[in-house]
Amino acid sequence: MLLDTASLYFRAYYGVPDSVRAPDGTPVNAVRGLLDFIARLVQDHHPDELVACMDADWRPAWRVELIPSYKAHRVAEEHPAGPDDEEVPDTLAPQVPVIEAVLDALGIARVGVPGYEADDVIGTLAGRAAGPVDIVTGDRDLYQLVDDARGVRVLYPLKGVGTLQIADEAWLRGKYGVDGPGYADLALLRGDPSDGLPGVPGIGEKTAARLLESFGDLAGIMAAVDDPAAKLTPAVRRRLDEARPYLAVAPKVVRVAGDVPLPEFAPALPREPRDERALGELAAGWGLGSSLERVLAALRE
């Protein structure tokens, strides 16, 4: 089981009231919410291995170089750590180091690689996995990794993680008309304002799906643009032709990397905490209470 950790702790932050606080009054709603998520996921799905994948670089320079608008709207207006600091709510940012410390004390593998997003770590791990993989994320970009033959599916939270949309190939085809790899082509054609991806002007999701159904993939679509006999309306042909500069670079930006140089780590789900003393100090200092107890109980069971 691969966790898109930031996606989940953002959901926890907005789903749990900020009245949930540590003894000193600091909000810990994201910390406790994420722990509750992990407890429920372990309890319901019984993974043998669990990896919390992290954004060591939420807006990699190599993606921005190709598409400068990539996530540009998310850059903080005030950025003490640098011009590409992500805009994070004031009461969430201090909780992230606590989340990291708790995961480390529990012994849950936490993997982030400089220069890459969590999506890239997930893509690399999913590609290397010998057995079935469940990817837990609130980010639809990762639908591109769905692969029935390899047992890779996405668990998309609808209401917490107790109600999950299980995205396999049949669901993707029913919802979007594409398979996993086709979802990446659909996304880059359609665009995604939340990621600053412009897409092809005038090509929406339904048109993109029809093009992929007719011509297979982006390469097939562009071959059709160059073929006067291909069944394309003049308007669609013109729009795709004018978008060539964008379409030349968008695949590298939209498709998750599958070759991230991962560090050594132990993915096995721990039965007992790695560092009980550190965990006790974190529990007392941050008031983690029943949320931590639920994780520990789920791990032992």
Protein backbone atom coordinates (compact mmCIF):
# COMPACT_ATOMS: atom_id res chain seq x y z
CA MET A 1 0.00 0.00 0.00
CA LEU A 2 1.44 3.32 -1.13
CA LEU A 3 0.18 6.50 0.54
CA ASP A 4 0.17 9.85 -1.23
CA THR A 5 0.90 11.32 2.17
CA ALA A 6 0.46 15.04 1.48
CA SER A 7 -2.84 14.39 -0.30
CA LEU A 8 -4.07 12.53 2.78
CA TYR A 9 -2.87 14.98 5.42
CA PHE A 10 -4.41 17.90 3.48
CA ARG A 11 -7.71 15.99 3.53
CA ALA A 12 -7.28 15.27 7.21
CA TYR A 13 -6.54 18.94 7.90
CA TYR A 14 -9.74 20.09 6.22
CA GLY A 15 -11.82 17.17 7.49
CA VAL A 16 -10.93 17.35 11.20
CA PRO A 17 -11.76 20.53 13.16
CA ASP A 18 -8.78 22.65 14.20
CA SER A 19 -10.21 22.57 17.70
CA VAL A 20 -8.31 19.26 17.96
CA ARG A 21 -5.20 20.56 19.68
CA ALA A 22 -2.07 19.60 21.58
CA PRO A 23 -1.77 20.39 25.30
CA ASP A 24 -0.07 23.70 24.44
CA GLY A 25 -2.96 24.71 22.17
CA THR A 26 -1.27 23.93 18.83
CA PRO A 27 -3.66 22.39 16.27
CA VAL A 28 -2.92 18.72 15.54
CA ASN A 29 -5.96 17.98 13.39
CA ALA A 30 -3.85 16.92 10.37
CA VAL A 31 -1.63 14.69 12.53
CA ARG A 32 -4.49 12.94 14.26
CA GLY A 33 -6.58 12.76 11.11
CA LEU A 34 -3.77 11.10 9.18
CA LEU A 35 -3.19 8.61 12.00
CA ASP A 36 -6.90 7.76 11.95
CA PHE A 37 -6.67 7.27 8.17
CA ILE A 38 -3.71 4.91 8.52
CA ALA A 39 -5.42 2.92 11.28
CA ARG A 40 -8.54 2.47 9.15
CA LEU A 41 -6.56 1.54 6.01
CA VAL A 42 -4.52 -1.09 7.87
CA GLN A 43 -7.61 -2.44 9.59
CA ASP A 44 -9.69 -2.67 6.40
CA HIS A 45 -7.07 -3.72 3.83
CA HIS A 46 -4.36 -5.61 5.77
CA PRO A 47 -1.34 -4.57 3.67
CA ASP A 48 1.89 -6.49 4.23
CA GLU A 49 3.89 -3.43 3.29
CA LEU A 50 3.05 0.26 3.70
CA VAL A 51 5.04 3.22 2.39
CA ALA A 52 4.26 6.86 3.15
CA CYS A 53 5.42 8.61 -0.03
CA MET A 54 6.47 12.22 0.45
CA ASP A 55 6.88 15.34 -1.68
CA ALA A 56 10.59 16.08 -1.29
CA ASP A 57 10.03 18.55 -4.13
CA TRP A 58 6.40 19.45 -4.78
CA ARG A 59 7.23 21.50 -7.94
CA PRO A 60 10.35 20.01 -9.56
CA ALA A 61 12.42 22.43 -11.64
CA TRP A 62 12.56 20.00 -14.56
CA ARG A 63 8.76 20.08 -14.83
CA VAL A 64 8.59 23.88 -14.47
CA GLU A 65 11.27 24.28 -17.15
CA LEU A 66 9.03 22.41 -19.60
CA ILE A 67 5.74 24.08 -18.56
CA PRO A 68 6.39 27.28 -16.53
CA SER A 69 2.74 27.48 -15.40
CA TYR A 70 3.05 24.09 -13.65
CA LYS A 71 1.59 24.60 -10.15
CA ALA A 72 2.55 28.29 -10.41
CA HIS A 73 -0.71 29.42 -8.81
CA ARG A 74 0.10 27.40 -5.68
CA VAL A 75 3.37 29.21 -4.96
CA ALA A 76 3.12 31.15 -1.71
CA GLU A 77 2.99 34.91 -1.91
CA GLU A 78 5.40 35.06 0.99
CA HIS A 79 8.14 32.49 0.73
CA PRO A 80 10.79 32.66 3.43
CA ALA A 81 12.26 29.31 2.35
CA GLY A 82 12.55 30.25 -1.30
CA PRO A 83 10.57 31.42 -4.31
CA ASP A 84 8.97 28.01 -4.88
CA ASP A 85 7.63 27.46 -1.38
CA GLU A 86 4.19 25.87 -1.57
CA GLU A 87 1.32 27.84 -0.08
CA VAL A 88 0.27 25.79 2.95
CA PRO A 89 -2.24 26.91 5.62
CA ASP A 90 -0.48 28.52 8.59
CA THR A 91 -1.69 25.89 11.03
CA LEU A 92 -0.86 22.93 8.76
CA ALA A 93 2.80 23.64 8.01
CA PRO A 94 3.95 23.13 11.64
CA GLN A 95 2.16 19.78 11.74
CA VAL A 96 4.14 18.24 8.87
CA PRO A 97 7.37 17.68 10.88
CA VAL A 98 5.24 16.11 13.63
CA ILE A 99 3.68 13.73 11.09
CA GLU A 100 7.15 12.78 9.86
CA ALA A 101 8.46 12.21 13.38
CA VAL A 102 5.47 10.04 14.34
CA LEU A 103 5.77 7.90 11.21
CA ASP A 104 9.48 7.42 11.89
CA ALA A 105 8.90 6.48 15.54
CA LEU A 106 6.20 4.01 14.49
CA GLY A 107 8.55 2.46 11.95
CA ILE A 108 6.31 3.15 8.95
CA ALA A 109 8.51 3.63 5.90
CA ARG A 110 8.64 7.24 4.72
CA VAL A 111 10.21 7.89 1.32
CA GLY A 112 10.84 11.18 -0.48
CA VAL A 113 13.55 11.90 -3.05
CA PRO A 114 15.00 15.36 -3.82
CA GLY A 115 13.87 16.59 -7.22
CA TYR A 116 10.76 14.44 -7.32
CA GLU A 117 7.16 14.52 -6.18
CA ALA A 118 5.44 11.81 -4.16
CA ASP A 119 3.64 10.79 -7.39
CA ASP A 120 7.02 9.89 -8.91
CA VAL A 121 8.02 7.84 -5.87
CA ILE A 122 4.67 6.05 -6.08
CA GLY A 123 5.10 5.42 -9.81
CA THR A 124 8.56 3.95 -9.31
CA LEU A 125 7.49 1.73 -6.41
CA ALA A 126 4.37 0.54 -8.24
CA GLY A 127 6.49 -0.31 -11.28
CA ARG A 128 8.93 -2.36 -9.22
CA ALA A 129 6.37 -4.20 -7.09
CA ALA A 130 6.22 -7.96 -7.47
CA GLY A 131 2.66 -8.23 -6.16
CA PRO A 132 -0.60 -6.26 -6.06
CA VAL A 133 -0.41 -2.56 -5.14
CA ASP A 134 -3.04 -0.27 -3.64
CA ILE A 135 -2.33 3.46 -4.09
CA VAL A 136 -4.26 5.65 -1.65
CA THR A 137 -4.62 9.20 -2.97
CA GLY A 138 -7.04 12.05 -3.45
CA ASP A 139 -5.15 13.02 -6.63
CA ARG A 140 -6.69 11.78 -9.87
CA ASP A 141 -3.32 12.11 -11.66
CA LEU A 142 -2.39 8.71 -10.26
CA TYR A 143 -5.19 6.99 -12.19
CA GLN A 144 -2.55 6.67 -14.92
CA LEU A 145 -0.88 3.91 -12.88
CA VAL A 146 -3.95 1.63 -12.80
CA ASP A 147 -3.01 -1.72 -14.32
CA ASP A 148 -5.21 -4.79 -13.86
CA ALA A 149 -2.57 -7.16 -15.22
CA ARG A 150 -0.16 -6.12 -12.48
CA GLY A 151 -2.80 -5.67 -9.78
CA VAL A 152 -2.25 -1.91 -9.43
CA ARG A 153 -5.34 0.03 -8.43
CA VAL A 154 -6.11 3.41 -6.89
CA LEU A 155 -8.17 3.83 -3.71
CA TYR A 156 -9.66 7.32 -3.90
CA PRO A 157 -11.20 8.65 -0.65
CA LEU A 158 -14.80 9.77 -1.06
CA LYS A 159 -15.53 10.28 2.63
CA GLY A 160 -12.45 9.84 4.75
CA VAL A 161 -10.87 6.49 3.95
CA GLY A 162 -13.84 4.48 5.18
CA THR A 163 -15.55 5.04 1.83
CA LEU A 164 -13.15 4.60 -1.06
CA GLN A 165 -13.65 4.61 -4.81
CA ILE A 166 -11.71 1.60 -6.05
CA ALA A 167 -10.35 2.58 -9.44
CA ASP A 168 -9.47 -0.36 -11.67
CA GLU A 169 -9.47 -0.51 -15.47
CA ALA A 170 -13.20 -1.29 -15.73
CA TRP A 171 -14.06 1.71 -13.56
CA LEU A 172 -11.71 4.01 -15.49
CA ARG A 173 -13.22 2.96 -18.81
CA GLY A 174 -16.73 3.47 -17.47
CA LYS A 175 -15.90 6.89 -16.01
CA TYR A 176 -13.45 8.33 -18.56
CA GLY A 177 -13.40 5.94 -21.50
CA VAL A 178 -9.67 5.22 -21.12
CA ASP A 179 -7.31 2.79 -19.39
CA GLY A 180 -4.53 3.77 -16.96
CA PRO A 181 -1.90 5.02 -19.45
CA GLY A 182 -4.68 6.62 -21.46
CA TYR A 183 -5.63 8.72 -18.45
CA ALA A 184 -2.32 10.62 -18.67
CA ASP A 185 -3.01 11.47 -22.32
CA LEU A 186 -6.58 12.47 -21.44
CA ALA A 187 -5.31 14.74 -18.66
CA LEU A 188 -2.73 16.54 -20.78
CA LEU A 189 -5.20 17.10 -23.63
CA ARG A 190 -7.96 18.29 -21.29
CA GLY A 191 -5.65 20.27 -19.05
CA ASP A 192 -5.87 20.62 -15.29
CA PRO A 193 -6.24 24.08 -13.72
CA SER A 194 -5.36 22.69 -10.28
CA ASP A 195 -1.88 21.80 -11.61
CA GLY A 196 -1.50 24.79 -13.93
CA LEU A 197 -1.68 22.60 -17.04
CA PRO A 198 -3.26 24.58 -19.88
CA GLY A 199 -4.34 21.64 -22.02
CA VAL A 200 -5.35 22.11 -25.65
CA PRO A 201 -7.77 25.06 -25.97
CA GLY A 202 -11.16 23.84 -27.11
CA ILE A 203 -10.45 20.16 -26.29
CA GLY A 204 -12.46 19.10 -23.26
CA GLU A 205 -12.63 15.77 -21.49
CA LYS A 206 -15.25 14.21 -23.79
CA THR A 207 -13.48 15.27 -26.98
CA ALA A 208 -10.16 14.01 -25.60
CA ALA A 209 -11.74 10.66 -24.73
CA ARG A 210 -13.23 10.34 -28.24
CA LEU A 211 -9.87 11.13 -29.82
CA LEU A 212 -8.13 8.50 -27.70
CA GLU A 213 -10.81 5.95 -28.51
CA SER A 214 -10.35 6.63 -32.23
CA PHE A 215 -6.57 6.93 -32.44
CA GLY A 216 -5.25 5.02 -29.40
CA ASP A 217 -2.85 7.44 -27.77
CA LEU A 218 -1.32 10.90 -28.14
CA ALA A 219 1.13 9.71 -30.81
CA GLY A 220 -1.77 8.24 -32.80
CA ILE A 221 -3.75 11.46 -32.46
CA MET A 222 -0.86 13.58 -33.73
CA ALA A 223 -0.30 11.15 -36.61
CA ALA A 224 -3.95 11.67 -37.51
CA VAL A 225 -3.42 15.46 -37.48
CA ASP A 226 -0.75 14.92 -40.16
CA ASP A 227 -2.96 12.58 -42.18
CA PRO A 228 -5.42 14.48 -44.41
CA ALA A 229 -7.54 11.33 -44.70
CA ALA A 230 -7.97 10.95 -40.91
CA LYS A 231 -11.44 11.63 -39.60
CA LEU A 232 -10.89 14.87 -37.69
CA THR A 233 -13.01 17.98 -37.86
CA PRO A 234 -11.15 20.99 -39.24
CA ALA A 235 -11.48 22.79 -35.88
CA VAL A 236 -10.06 19.90 -33.85
CA ARG A 237 -7.23 19.37 -36.36
CA ARG A 238 -6.33 23.07 -36.18
CA ARG A 239 -6.42 23.16 -32.38
CA LEU A 240 -4.15 20.14 -32.06
CA ASP A 241 -1.79 21.47 -34.72
CA GLU A 242 -1.49 24.83 -32.95
CA ALA A 243 -0.83 23.08 -29.65
CA ARG A 244 2.22 21.14 -30.89
CA PRO A 245 4.75 23.02 -28.70
CA TYR A 246 2.71 22.21 -25.58
CA LEU A 247 2.00 18.62 -26.63
CA ALA A 248 5.71 18.03 -27.26
CA VAL A 249 6.59 18.62 -23.59
CA ALA A 250 3.36 17.86 -21.70
CA PRO A 251 3.81 14.06 -21.58
CA LYS A 252 7.02 14.35 -19.56
CA VAL A 253 5.33 16.74 -17.13
CA VAL A 254 2.06 14.81 -16.73
CA ARG A 255 3.35 11.25 -16.67
CA VAL A 256 4.81 10.19 -13.35
CA ALA A 257 8.46 9.20 -13.36
CA GLY A 258 9.17 5.51 -13.08
CA ASP A 259 12.91 5.71 -12.53
CA VAL A 260 13.35 7.63 -9.28
CA PRO A 261 16.60 6.70 -7.47
CA LEU A 262 15.08 5.41 -4.26
CA PRO A 263 16.98 5.16 -0.97
CA GLU A 264 17.19 1.96 1.04
CA PHE A 265 14.13 1.49 3.24
CA ALA A 266 12.15 -1.27 4.96
CA PRO A 267 8.56 -1.34 3.65
CA ALA A 268 7.26 -4.12 5.91
CA LEU A 269 4.40 -2.98 8.11
CA PRO A 270 5.70 -2.88 11.71
CA ARG A 271 3.97 -4.84 14.47
CA GLU A 272 5.48 -2.72 17.22
CA PRO A 273 6.88 0.84 17.24
CA ARG A 274 10.46 1.27 16.09
CA ASP A 275 11.18 3.80 18.85
CA GLU A 276 8.75 3.45 21.74
CA ARG A 277 10.37 6.17 23.86
CA ALA A 278 10.26 8.77 21.05
CA LEU A 279 6.67 7.78 20.28
CA GLY A 280 5.70 8.21 23.92
CA GLU A 281 7.22 11.68 24.01
CA LEU A 282 5.42 12.65 20.79
CA ALA A 283 2.14 11.28 22.10
CA ALA A 284 2.42 13.23 25.33
CA GLY A 285 3.76 16.44 23.81
CA TRP A 286 1.24 16.61 20.97
CA GLY A 287 -1.76 14.98 22.62
CA LEU A 288 -2.11 12.22 20.03
CA GLY A 289 -4.29 10.14 22.36
CA SER A 290 -6.82 7.76 20.84
CA SER A 291 -5.64 8.37 17.25
CA LEU A 292 -2.22 6.89 18.03
CA GLU A 293 -3.77 4.08 20.04
CA ARG A 294 -5.91 3.12 17.05
CA VAL A 295 -2.83 2.91 14.81
CA LEU A 296 -0.95 0.79 17.35
CA ALA A 297 -3.93 -1.54 17.75
CA ALA A 298 -4.31 -1.91 13.98
CA LEU A 299 -0.60 -2.71 13.59
CA ARG A 300 -0.69 -5.35 16.35
CA GLU A 301 -3.77 -7.01 14.89
